[in-house]
Amino acid sequence: MSPASKKKPAADARKPRSIARMAAVQALYQMDLAGTDVTQVIDEFAELRFGSGGIDAEGDNGNSLDGADPIFFAELLKGVVRRQRDIDPLVDQQLATGWRLVRVDSILRAILRAGVYELMERSDIPARVTINEYINVAHAFFEGDEPRVVNGVLDRIAHRERAGEFKTEEGS
């Protein structure tokens, strides 16, 4: 297997929800920068990016969003928009002193918002799975400390929001 084939798994080898998370982060970023309406973004992704040559994290046309779960994608976007007033202060509390969510990179902000929404609202998905998925999304966009920031913030919020999932292993 060549190095290039290792870097980007084939769309059918990736999980539909993982692809939907990547798409949701891209959509949240677009909404943040352009002020686009959530319904309009959902329609745009369904028509232009799912299964028809979407743009991946490096900006390449490579069908990177093929196979996304469109229902999960739409639920993520609508949920983040609906709960954003709850999500943002929660993230602010976890960031380093002097930092606020509005000061961080727009992509990082989108990753954190989507991850926190899942931790708050999607108890059907184990917290560790959610954290790992968004760390992977962060790695697709960043090579620096950002994936560690995502890990730290989401882990602290998960311990707060889903303490029961962590009690057995920590002896609490």
N, C-alpha and C. Protein backbone atom coordinates (compact mmCIF):
# COMPACT_ATOMS: atom_id res chain seq x y z
N MET A 1 0.86 -1.18 0.00
CA MET A 1 0.00 0.00 0.00
C MET A 1 0.90 1.24 0.00
N SER A 2 0.69 2.13 -0.91
CA SER A 2 1.51 3.35 -1.00
C SER A 2 1.13 4.33 0.10
N PRO A 3 2.05 5.25 0.45
CA PRO A 3 1.74 6.24 1.49
C PRO A 3 0.51 7.07 1.16
N ALA A 4 0.34 7.40 -0.11
CA ALA A 4 -0.83 8.22 -0.48
C ALA A 4 -2.13 7.47 -0.22
N SER A 5 -2.13 6.17 -0.46
CA SER A 5 -3.38 5.42 -0.25
C SER A 5 -3.66 5.23 1.23
N LYS A 6 -2.64 5.32 2.08
CA LYS A 6 -2.86 5.22 3.52
C LYS A 6 -3.48 6.49 4.08
N LYS A 7 -3.12 7.64 3.51
CA LYS A 7 -3.55 8.92 4.07
C LYS A 7 -5.06 9.11 3.99
N LYS A 8 -5.64 8.83 2.85
CA LYS A 8 -7.08 9.04 2.67
C LYS A 8 -7.76 7.71 2.40
N PRO A 9 -8.50 7.20 3.37
CA PRO A 9 -9.20 5.94 3.14
C PRO A 9 -10.29 6.13 2.10
N ALA A 10 -10.57 5.06 1.41
CA ALA A 10 -11.66 5.11 0.44
C ALA A 10 -12.95 5.42 1.16
N ALA A 11 -13.85 6.13 0.50
CA ALA A 11 -15.09 6.55 1.14
C ALA A 11 -15.87 5.35 1.69
N ASP A 12 -15.86 4.22 0.98
CA ASP A 12 -16.63 3.08 1.45
C ASP A 12 -15.98 2.41 2.66
N ALA A 13 -14.71 2.71 2.95
CA ALA A 13 -14.05 2.15 4.11
C ALA A 13 -14.30 3.00 5.36
N ARG A 14 -14.76 4.22 5.18
CA ARG A 14 -15.03 5.10 6.31
C ARG A 14 -16.49 4.95 6.72
N LYS A 15 -16.76 5.27 7.96
CA LYS A 15 -18.11 5.13 8.49
C LYS A 15 -18.95 6.34 8.10
N PRO A 16 -20.22 6.11 7.76
CA PRO A 16 -21.11 7.21 7.37
C PRO A 16 -21.21 8.33 8.40
N ARG A 17 -21.22 7.99 9.69
CA ARG A 17 -21.30 9.03 10.72
C ARG A 17 -19.99 9.81 10.82
N SER A 18 -18.86 9.14 10.63
CA SER A 18 -17.58 9.84 10.66
C SER A 18 -17.51 10.87 9.53
N ILE A 19 -17.97 10.48 8.37
CA ILE A 19 -17.98 11.38 7.22
C ILE A 19 -18.96 12.53 7.49
N ALA A 20 -20.09 12.21 8.09
CA ALA A 20 -21.08 13.25 8.42
C ALA A 20 -20.51 14.25 9.42
N ARG A 21 -19.70 13.78 10.37
CA ARG A 21 -19.07 14.70 11.33
C ARG A 21 -18.13 15.66 10.60
N MET A 22 -17.33 15.14 9.69
CA MET A 22 -16.43 15.98 8.91
C MET A 22 -17.24 17.02 8.12
N ALA A 23 -18.31 16.57 7.50
CA ALA A 23 -19.16 17.48 6.74
C ALA A 23 -19.81 18.52 7.64
N ALA A 24 -20.23 18.11 8.82
CA ALA A 24 -20.88 19.04 9.75
C ALA A 24 -19.91 20.13 10.18
N VAL A 25 -18.66 19.76 10.43
CA VAL A 25 -17.66 20.77 10.80
C VAL A 25 -17.46 21.75 9.65
N GLN A 26 -17.38 21.24 8.43
CA GLN A 26 -17.23 22.12 7.27
C GLN A 26 -18.44 23.03 7.13
N ALA A 27 -19.62 22.49 7.34
CA ALA A 27 -20.85 23.28 7.23
C ALA A 27 -20.94 24.33 8.33
N LEU A 28 -20.58 23.96 9.56
CA LEU A 28 -20.60 24.93 10.66
C LEU A 28 -19.60 26.06 10.40
N TYR A 29 -18.45 25.71 9.85
CA TYR A 29 -17.44 26.71 9.47
C TYR A 29 -18.03 27.66 8.43
N GLN A 30 -18.66 27.11 7.42
CA GLN A 30 -19.29 27.92 6.37
C GLN A 30 -20.36 28.84 6.95
N MET A 31 -21.17 28.29 7.83
CA MET A 31 -22.24 29.09 8.45
C MET A 31 -21.65 30.22 9.29
N ASP A 32 -20.56 29.92 10.00
CA ASP A 32 -19.91 30.89 10.86
C ASP A 32 -19.33 32.05 10.05
N LEU A 33 -18.67 31.73 8.95
CA LEU A 33 -18.01 32.77 8.15
C LEU A 33 -18.97 33.53 7.25
N ALA A 34 -19.90 32.81 6.64
CA ALA A 34 -20.76 33.44 5.65
C ALA A 34 -22.14 33.81 6.19
N GLY A 35 -22.45 33.35 7.40
CA GLY A 35 -23.77 33.63 7.96
C GLY A 35 -24.89 32.91 7.23
N THR A 36 -24.57 31.78 6.63
CA THR A 36 -25.54 31.01 5.86
C THR A 36 -26.54 30.32 6.79
N ASP A 37 -27.78 30.26 6.38
CA ASP A 37 -28.86 29.62 7.13
C ASP A 37 -28.65 28.11 7.17
N VAL A 38 -28.99 27.49 8.30
CA VAL A 38 -28.78 26.06 8.48
C VAL A 38 -29.52 25.23 7.43
N THR A 39 -30.73 25.57 7.11
CA THR A 39 -31.49 24.82 6.11
C THR A 39 -30.84 24.90 4.74
N GLN A 40 -30.37 26.08 4.40
CA GLN A 40 -29.68 26.28 3.12
C GLN A 40 -28.41 25.45 3.04
N VAL A 41 -27.65 25.39 4.13
CA VAL A 41 -26.40 24.62 4.15
C VAL A 41 -26.70 23.13 4.05
N ILE A 42 -27.71 22.65 4.76
CA ILE A 42 -28.08 21.24 4.68
C ILE A 42 -28.45 20.88 3.24
N ASP A 43 -29.26 21.72 2.61
CA ASP A 43 -29.65 21.46 1.22
C ASP A 43 -28.45 21.48 0.28
N GLU A 44 -27.55 22.46 0.49
CA GLU A 44 -26.36 22.57 -0.36
C GLU A 44 -25.49 21.32 -0.26
N PHE A 45 -25.24 20.86 0.96
CA PHE A 45 -24.40 19.68 1.13
C PHE A 45 -25.06 18.46 0.52
N ALA A 46 -26.36 18.31 0.71
CA ALA A 46 -27.07 17.15 0.14
C ALA A 46 -27.00 17.17 -1.38
N GLU A 47 -27.15 18.34 -1.97
CA GLU A 47 -27.18 18.44 -3.44
C GLU A 47 -25.79 18.43 -4.08
N LEU A 48 -24.83 19.11 -3.45
CA LEU A 48 -23.55 19.35 -4.13
C LEU A 48 -22.36 18.59 -3.56
N ARG A 49 -22.41 18.16 -2.33
CA ARG A 49 -21.20 17.62 -1.72
C ARG A 49 -21.28 16.14 -1.35
N PHE A 50 -22.47 15.63 -1.10
CA PHE A 50 -22.58 14.21 -0.76
C PHE A 50 -22.71 13.41 -2.05
N GLY A 51 -21.67 12.65 -2.35
CA GLY A 51 -21.73 11.77 -3.51
C GLY A 51 -21.45 12.42 -4.84
N SER A 52 -20.93 13.67 -4.82
CA SER A 52 -20.68 14.30 -6.11
C SER A 52 -19.40 15.12 -6.13
N GLY A 53 -18.39 14.64 -5.43
CA GLY A 53 -17.10 15.31 -5.52
C GLY A 53 -16.91 16.43 -4.52
N GLY A 54 -17.24 16.17 -3.27
CA GLY A 54 -17.07 17.17 -2.24
C GLY A 54 -15.63 17.58 -2.04
N ILE A 55 -15.41 18.61 -1.27
CA ILE A 55 -14.08 19.12 -1.00
C ILE A 55 -13.64 18.61 0.36
N ASP A 56 -12.42 18.04 0.42
CA ASP A 56 -11.95 17.50 1.69
C ASP A 56 -11.21 18.55 2.50
N ALA A 57 -10.63 18.14 3.61
CA ALA A 57 -9.98 19.07 4.54
C ALA A 57 -8.83 19.83 3.91
N GLU A 58 -8.17 19.25 2.92
CA GLU A 58 -7.07 19.93 2.26
C GLU A 58 -7.54 20.78 1.08
N GLY A 59 -8.85 20.81 0.85
CA GLY A 59 -9.40 21.59 -0.24
C GLY A 59 -9.39 20.86 -1.58
N ASP A 60 -9.11 19.57 -1.55
CA ASP A 60 -9.06 18.79 -2.78
C ASP A 60 -10.45 18.26 -3.13
N ASN A 61 -10.73 18.22 -4.42
CA ASN A 61 -11.94 17.53 -4.85
C ASN A 61 -11.60 16.06 -4.88
N GLY A 62 -12.22 15.29 -3.99
CA GLY A 62 -11.87 13.89 -3.92
C GLY A 62 -13.01 13.05 -3.40
N ASN A 63 -14.22 13.49 -3.58
CA ASN A 63 -15.38 12.75 -3.10
C ASN A 63 -15.26 12.42 -1.62
N SER A 64 -14.62 13.28 -0.86
CA SER A 64 -14.34 12.99 0.53
C SER A 64 -15.59 12.88 1.39
N LEU A 65 -16.69 13.41 0.92
CA LEU A 65 -17.93 13.34 1.71
C LEU A 65 -18.90 12.28 1.19
N ASP A 66 -18.45 11.51 0.21
CA ASP A 66 -19.27 10.40 -0.27
C ASP A 66 -19.56 9.45 0.88
N GLY A 67 -20.78 9.01 0.98
CA GLY A 67 -21.14 8.03 1.99
C GLY A 67 -21.55 8.62 3.33
N ALA A 68 -21.60 9.96 3.43
CA ALA A 68 -22.01 10.59 4.68
C ALA A 68 -23.45 10.23 5.01
N ASP A 69 -23.74 10.10 6.28
CA ASP A 69 -25.10 9.87 6.75
C ASP A 69 -25.81 11.24 6.75
N PRO A 70 -26.67 11.50 5.78
CA PRO A 70 -27.27 12.84 5.68
C PRO A 70 -28.22 13.18 6.82
N ILE A 71 -28.84 12.18 7.42
CA ILE A 71 -29.75 12.44 8.55
C ILE A 71 -28.94 12.84 9.77
N PHE A 72 -27.87 12.10 10.05
CA PHE A 72 -27.00 12.43 11.18
C PHE A 72 -26.37 13.82 10.98
N PHE A 73 -25.94 14.10 9.77
CA PHE A 73 -25.37 15.42 9.41
C PHE A 73 -26.36 16.53 9.75
N ALA A 74 -27.58 16.39 9.28
CA ALA A 74 -28.61 17.42 9.52
C ALA A 74 -28.92 17.54 11.01
N GLU A 75 -28.98 16.41 11.71
CA GLU A 75 -29.23 16.45 13.17
C GLU A 75 -28.12 17.20 13.89
N LEU A 76 -26.87 16.97 13.50
CA LEU A 76 -25.74 17.67 14.11
C LEU A 76 -25.87 19.18 13.91
N LEU A 77 -26.10 19.58 12.67
CA LEU A 77 -26.18 21.02 12.39
C LEU A 77 -27.34 21.68 13.13
N LYS A 78 -28.50 21.09 13.03
CA LYS A 78 -29.67 21.67 13.70
C LYS A 78 -29.48 21.69 15.21
N GLY A 79 -28.87 20.63 15.74
CA GLY A 79 -28.65 20.55 17.17
C GLY A 79 -27.65 21.59 17.67
N VAL A 80 -26.57 21.79 16.93
CA VAL A 80 -25.59 22.80 17.33
C VAL A 80 -26.22 24.18 17.31
N VAL A 81 -26.99 24.47 16.27
CA VAL A 81 -27.65 25.78 16.17
C VAL A 81 -28.63 25.95 17.34
N ARG A 82 -29.41 24.92 17.62
CA ARG A 82 -30.41 24.98 18.68
C ARG A 82 -29.78 25.14 20.06
N ARG A 83 -28.65 24.49 20.30
CA ARG A 83 -28.02 24.47 21.64
C ARG A 83 -26.81 25.39 21.77
N GLN A 84 -26.54 26.21 20.76
CA GLN A 84 -25.31 27.01 20.76
C GLN A 84 -25.19 27.92 21.99
N ARG A 85 -26.29 28.45 22.47
CA ARG A 85 -26.25 29.32 23.65
C ARG A 85 -25.87 28.56 24.92
N ASP A 86 -26.06 27.25 24.91
CA ASP A 86 -25.62 26.41 26.02
C ASP A 86 -24.20 25.91 25.81
N ILE A 87 -23.86 25.63 24.56
CA ILE A 87 -22.57 25.05 24.21
C ILE A 87 -21.42 26.05 24.41
N ASP A 88 -21.57 27.25 23.89
CA ASP A 88 -20.46 28.21 23.91
C ASP A 88 -19.96 28.54 25.31
N PRO A 89 -20.83 28.83 26.28
CA PRO A 89 -20.31 29.10 27.63
C PRO A 89 -19.63 27.88 28.26
N LEU A 90 -20.14 26.69 27.94
CA LEU A 90 -19.53 25.47 28.46
C LEU A 90 -18.11 25.31 27.94
N VAL A 91 -17.91 25.59 26.65
CA VAL A 91 -16.58 25.52 26.07
C VAL A 91 -15.69 26.63 26.63
N ASP A 92 -16.23 27.84 26.75
CA ASP A 92 -15.46 28.96 27.32
C ASP A 92 -14.87 28.59 28.67
N GLN A 93 -15.64 27.88 29.50
CA GLN A 93 -15.17 27.49 30.84
C GLN A 93 -13.99 26.53 30.79
N GLN A 94 -13.85 25.80 29.68
CA GLN A 94 -12.80 24.79 29.58
C GLN A 94 -11.54 25.30 28.88
N LEU A 95 -11.64 26.44 28.24
CA LEU A 95 -10.48 26.99 27.53
C LEU A 95 -9.52 27.64 28.53
N ALA A 96 -8.28 27.81 28.10
CA ALA A 96 -7.27 28.43 28.96
C ALA A 96 -7.73 29.82 29.38
N THR A 97 -7.27 30.23 30.55
CA THR A 97 -7.62 31.55 31.09
C THR A 97 -7.29 32.63 30.06
N GLY A 98 -8.24 33.50 29.86
CA GLY A 98 -8.05 34.59 28.91
C GLY A 98 -8.50 34.27 27.50
N TRP A 99 -8.81 33.01 27.25
CA TRP A 99 -9.29 32.62 25.92
C TRP A 99 -10.79 32.41 25.96
N ARG A 100 -11.43 32.82 24.89
CA ARG A 100 -12.86 32.60 24.73
C ARG A 100 -13.07 31.92 23.39
N LEU A 101 -14.15 31.23 23.26
CA LEU A 101 -14.42 30.48 22.04
C LEU A 101 -14.38 31.38 20.81
N VAL A 102 -14.84 32.60 20.94
CA VAL A 102 -14.86 33.50 19.77
C VAL A 102 -13.45 33.85 19.29
N ARG A 103 -12.42 33.63 20.12
CA ARG A 103 -11.04 33.94 19.75
C ARG A 103 -10.33 32.79 19.06
N VAL A 104 -10.86 31.58 19.13
CA VAL A 104 -10.17 30.44 18.53
C VAL A 104 -10.49 30.35 17.04
N ASP A 105 -9.65 29.61 16.33
CA ASP A 105 -9.82 29.39 14.90
C ASP A 105 -11.24 28.91 14.59
N SER A 106 -11.80 29.36 13.49
CA SER A 106 -13.19 29.03 13.13
C SER A 106 -13.41 27.52 12.97
N ILE A 107 -12.45 26.82 12.40
CA ILE A 107 -12.59 25.36 12.25
C ILE A 107 -12.56 24.70 13.62
N LEU A 108 -11.64 25.12 14.47
CA LEU A 108 -11.57 24.56 15.82
C LEU A 108 -12.86 24.84 16.57
N ARG A 109 -13.41 26.01 16.41
CA ARG A 109 -14.68 26.37 17.05
C ARG A 109 -15.79 25.44 16.57
N ALA A 110 -15.83 25.16 15.28
CA ALA A 110 -16.85 24.26 14.71
C ALA A 110 -16.69 22.84 15.27
N ILE A 111 -15.45 22.37 15.37
CA ILE A 111 -15.19 21.02 15.91
C ILE A 111 -15.68 20.94 17.36
N LEU A 112 -15.33 21.94 18.15
CA LEU A 112 -15.72 21.92 19.56
C LEU A 112 -17.23 22.00 19.73
N ARG A 113 -17.87 22.84 18.95
CA ARG A 113 -19.33 22.96 19.07
C ARG A 113 -20.02 21.65 18.71
N ALA A 114 -19.60 21.02 17.63
CA ALA A 114 -20.22 19.76 17.22
C ALA A 114 -19.97 18.67 18.26
N GLY A 115 -18.73 18.59 18.76
CA GLY A 115 -18.40 17.58 19.75
C GLY A 115 -19.18 17.76 21.04
N VAL A 116 -19.29 19.00 21.50
CA VAL A 116 -20.03 19.26 22.74
C VAL A 116 -21.51 18.97 22.54
N TYR A 117 -22.05 19.33 21.39
CA TYR A 117 -23.45 18.99 21.12
C TYR A 117 -23.67 17.48 21.26
N GLU A 118 -22.78 16.69 20.64
CA GLU A 118 -22.94 15.24 20.73
C GLU A 118 -22.87 14.76 22.18
N LEU A 119 -21.95 15.31 22.93
CA LEU A 119 -21.83 14.90 24.34
C LEU A 119 -23.06 15.28 25.14
N MET A 120 -23.68 16.40 24.82
CA MET A 120 -24.85 16.87 25.54
C MET A 120 -26.11 16.12 25.15
N GLU A 121 -26.26 15.84 23.87
CA GLU A 121 -27.55 15.38 23.35
C GLU A 121 -27.59 13.94 22.84
N ARG A 122 -26.45 13.37 22.53
CA ARG A 122 -26.45 12.05 21.90
C ARG A 122 -25.89 10.99 22.84
N SER A 123 -26.66 10.69 23.88
CA SER A 123 -26.22 9.70 24.85
C SER A 123 -26.19 8.28 24.26
N ASP A 124 -26.76 8.12 23.06
CA ASP A 124 -26.70 6.83 22.38
C ASP A 124 -25.31 6.55 21.81
N ILE A 125 -24.46 7.57 21.77
CA ILE A 125 -23.10 7.43 21.28
C ILE A 125 -22.17 7.56 22.49
N PRO A 126 -21.36 6.54 22.78
CA PRO A 126 -20.47 6.62 23.94
C PRO A 126 -19.58 7.87 23.88
N ALA A 127 -19.36 8.47 25.03
CA ALA A 127 -18.57 9.71 25.10
C ALA A 127 -17.18 9.52 24.50
N ARG A 128 -16.55 8.39 24.78
CA ARG A 128 -15.20 8.14 24.26
C ARG A 128 -15.20 8.08 22.73
N VAL A 129 -16.25 7.55 22.15
CA VAL A 129 -16.36 7.50 20.69
C VAL A 129 -16.46 8.93 20.15
N THR A 130 -17.31 9.74 20.76
CA THR A 130 -17.47 11.13 20.32
C THR A 130 -16.13 11.86 20.40
N ILE A 131 -15.45 11.74 21.52
CA ILE A 131 -14.16 12.44 21.69
C ILE A 131 -13.18 11.99 20.62
N ASN A 132 -13.05 10.70 20.42
CA ASN A 132 -12.12 10.17 19.44
C ASN A 132 -12.46 10.63 18.02
N GLU A 133 -13.73 10.62 17.70
CA GLU A 133 -14.15 11.06 16.36
C GLU A 133 -13.74 12.51 16.09
N TYR A 134 -13.95 13.38 17.07
CA TYR A 134 -13.62 14.79 16.85
C TYR A 134 -12.12 15.06 16.93
N ILE A 135 -11.38 14.24 17.64
CA ILE A 135 -9.91 14.33 17.57
C ILE A 135 -9.47 13.99 16.16
N ASN A 136 -10.06 12.96 15.57
CA ASN A 136 -9.74 12.59 14.19
C ASN A 136 -10.09 13.71 13.21
N VAL A 137 -11.22 14.35 13.42
CA VAL A 137 -11.59 15.48 12.56
C VAL A 137 -10.54 16.59 12.71
N ALA A 138 -10.13 16.87 13.94
CA ALA A 138 -9.12 17.91 14.18
C ALA A 138 -7.81 17.57 13.46
N HIS A 139 -7.42 16.29 13.47
CA HIS A 139 -6.20 15.88 12.78
C HIS A 139 -6.32 16.09 11.27
N ALA A 140 -7.51 16.03 10.73
CA ALA A 140 -7.69 16.25 9.29
C ALA A 140 -7.42 17.71 8.91
N PHE A 141 -7.59 18.61 9.86
CA PHE A 141 -7.42 20.03 9.57
C PHE A 141 -6.14 20.64 10.15
N PHE A 142 -5.62 20.06 11.21
CA PHE A 142 -4.51 20.68 11.95
C PHE A 142 -3.37 19.70 12.19
N GLU A 143 -2.15 20.24 12.21
CA GLU A 143 -0.97 19.45 12.54
C GLU A 143 -0.36 19.86 13.87
N GLY A 144 -0.86 20.94 14.46
CA GLY A 144 -0.29 21.47 15.70
C GLY A 144 -0.97 20.92 16.94
N ASP A 145 -1.20 21.82 17.90
CA ASP A 145 -1.78 21.46 19.19
C ASP A 145 -3.29 21.35 19.20
N GLU A 146 -3.94 21.73 18.14
CA GLU A 146 -5.41 21.76 18.13
C GLU A 146 -6.06 20.42 18.46
N PRO A 147 -5.57 19.28 17.93
CA PRO A 147 -6.20 18.01 18.33
C PRO A 147 -6.11 17.76 19.84
N ARG A 148 -5.02 18.21 20.47
CA ARG A 148 -4.91 18.08 21.93
C ARG A 148 -5.90 18.99 22.65
N VAL A 149 -6.13 20.16 22.09
CA VAL A 149 -7.13 21.08 22.66
C VAL A 149 -8.50 20.42 22.59
N VAL A 150 -8.83 19.86 21.44
CA VAL A 150 -10.11 19.17 21.27
C VAL A 150 -10.22 18.04 22.29
N ASN A 151 -9.18 17.24 22.44
CA ASN A 151 -9.19 16.15 23.40
C ASN A 151 -9.42 16.67 24.82
N GLY A 152 -8.68 17.68 25.22
CA GLY A 152 -8.79 18.19 26.59
C GLY A 152 -10.15 18.78 26.89
N VAL A 153 -10.64 19.63 25.98
CA VAL A 153 -11.93 20.28 26.20
C VAL A 153 -13.06 19.26 26.21
N LEU A 154 -13.09 18.38 25.21
CA LEU A 154 -14.18 17.40 25.14
C LEU A 154 -14.11 16.40 26.29
N ASP A 155 -12.91 16.02 26.69
CA ASP A 155 -12.78 15.08 27.80
C ASP A 155 -13.32 15.68 29.10
N ARG A 156 -12.97 16.93 29.37
CA ARG A 156 -13.46 17.57 30.60
C ARG A 156 -14.98 17.73 30.57
N ILE A 157 -15.51 18.10 29.42
CA ILE A 157 -16.97 18.26 29.30
C ILE A 157 -17.66 16.90 29.40
N ALA A 158 -17.07 15.87 28.82
CA ALA A 158 -17.65 14.53 28.90
C ALA A 158 -17.70 14.06 30.35
N HIS A 159 -16.65 14.31 31.12
CA HIS A 159 -16.64 13.91 32.53
C HIS A 159 -17.72 14.66 33.31
N ARG A 160 -18.02 15.86 32.88
CA ARG A 160 -19.06 16.64 33.55
C ARG A 160 -20.46 16.21 33.09
N GLU A 161 -20.64 16.10 31.78
CA GLU A 161 -21.96 15.80 31.22
C GLU A 161 -22.33 14.32 31.34
N ARG A 162 -21.36 13.45 31.32
CA ARG A 162 -21.62 12.01 31.30
C ARG A 162 -20.79 11.29 32.36
N ALA A 163 -20.78 11.82 33.55
CA ALA A 163 -19.96 11.27 34.64
C ALA A 163 -20.17 9.77 34.81
N GLY A 164 -21.38 9.30 34.63
CA GLY A 164 -21.69 7.88 34.81
C GLY A 164 -20.91 6.96 33.90
N GLU A 165 -20.53 7.43 32.73
CA GLU A 165 -19.77 6.60 31.80
C GLU A 165 -18.33 6.40 32.27
N PHE A 166 -17.86 7.24 33.16
CA PHE A 166 -16.47 7.18 33.59
C PHE A 166 -16.31 6.63 35.00
N LYS A 167 -17.39 6.47 35.75
CA LYS A 167 -17.31 6.07 37.16
C LYS A 167 -16.68 4.70 37.35
N THR A 168 -17.07 3.70 36.58
CA THR A 168 -16.60 2.33 36.81
C THR A 168 -15.10 2.21 36.62
N GLU A 169 -14.54 2.88 35.64
CA GLU A 169 -13.11 2.73 35.38
C GLU A 169 -12.25 3.58 36.31
N GLU A 170 -12.82 4.64 36.87
CA GLU A 170 -12.05 5.52 37.74
C GLU A 170 -12.25 5.20 39.21
N GLY A 171 -13.08 4.19 39.48
CA GLY A 171 -13.31 3.79 40.86
C GLY A 171 -14.13 4.76 41.66
N SER A 172 -14.92 5.59 41.00
CA SER A 172 -15.76 6.58 41.71
C SER A 172 -17.08 5.99 42.09
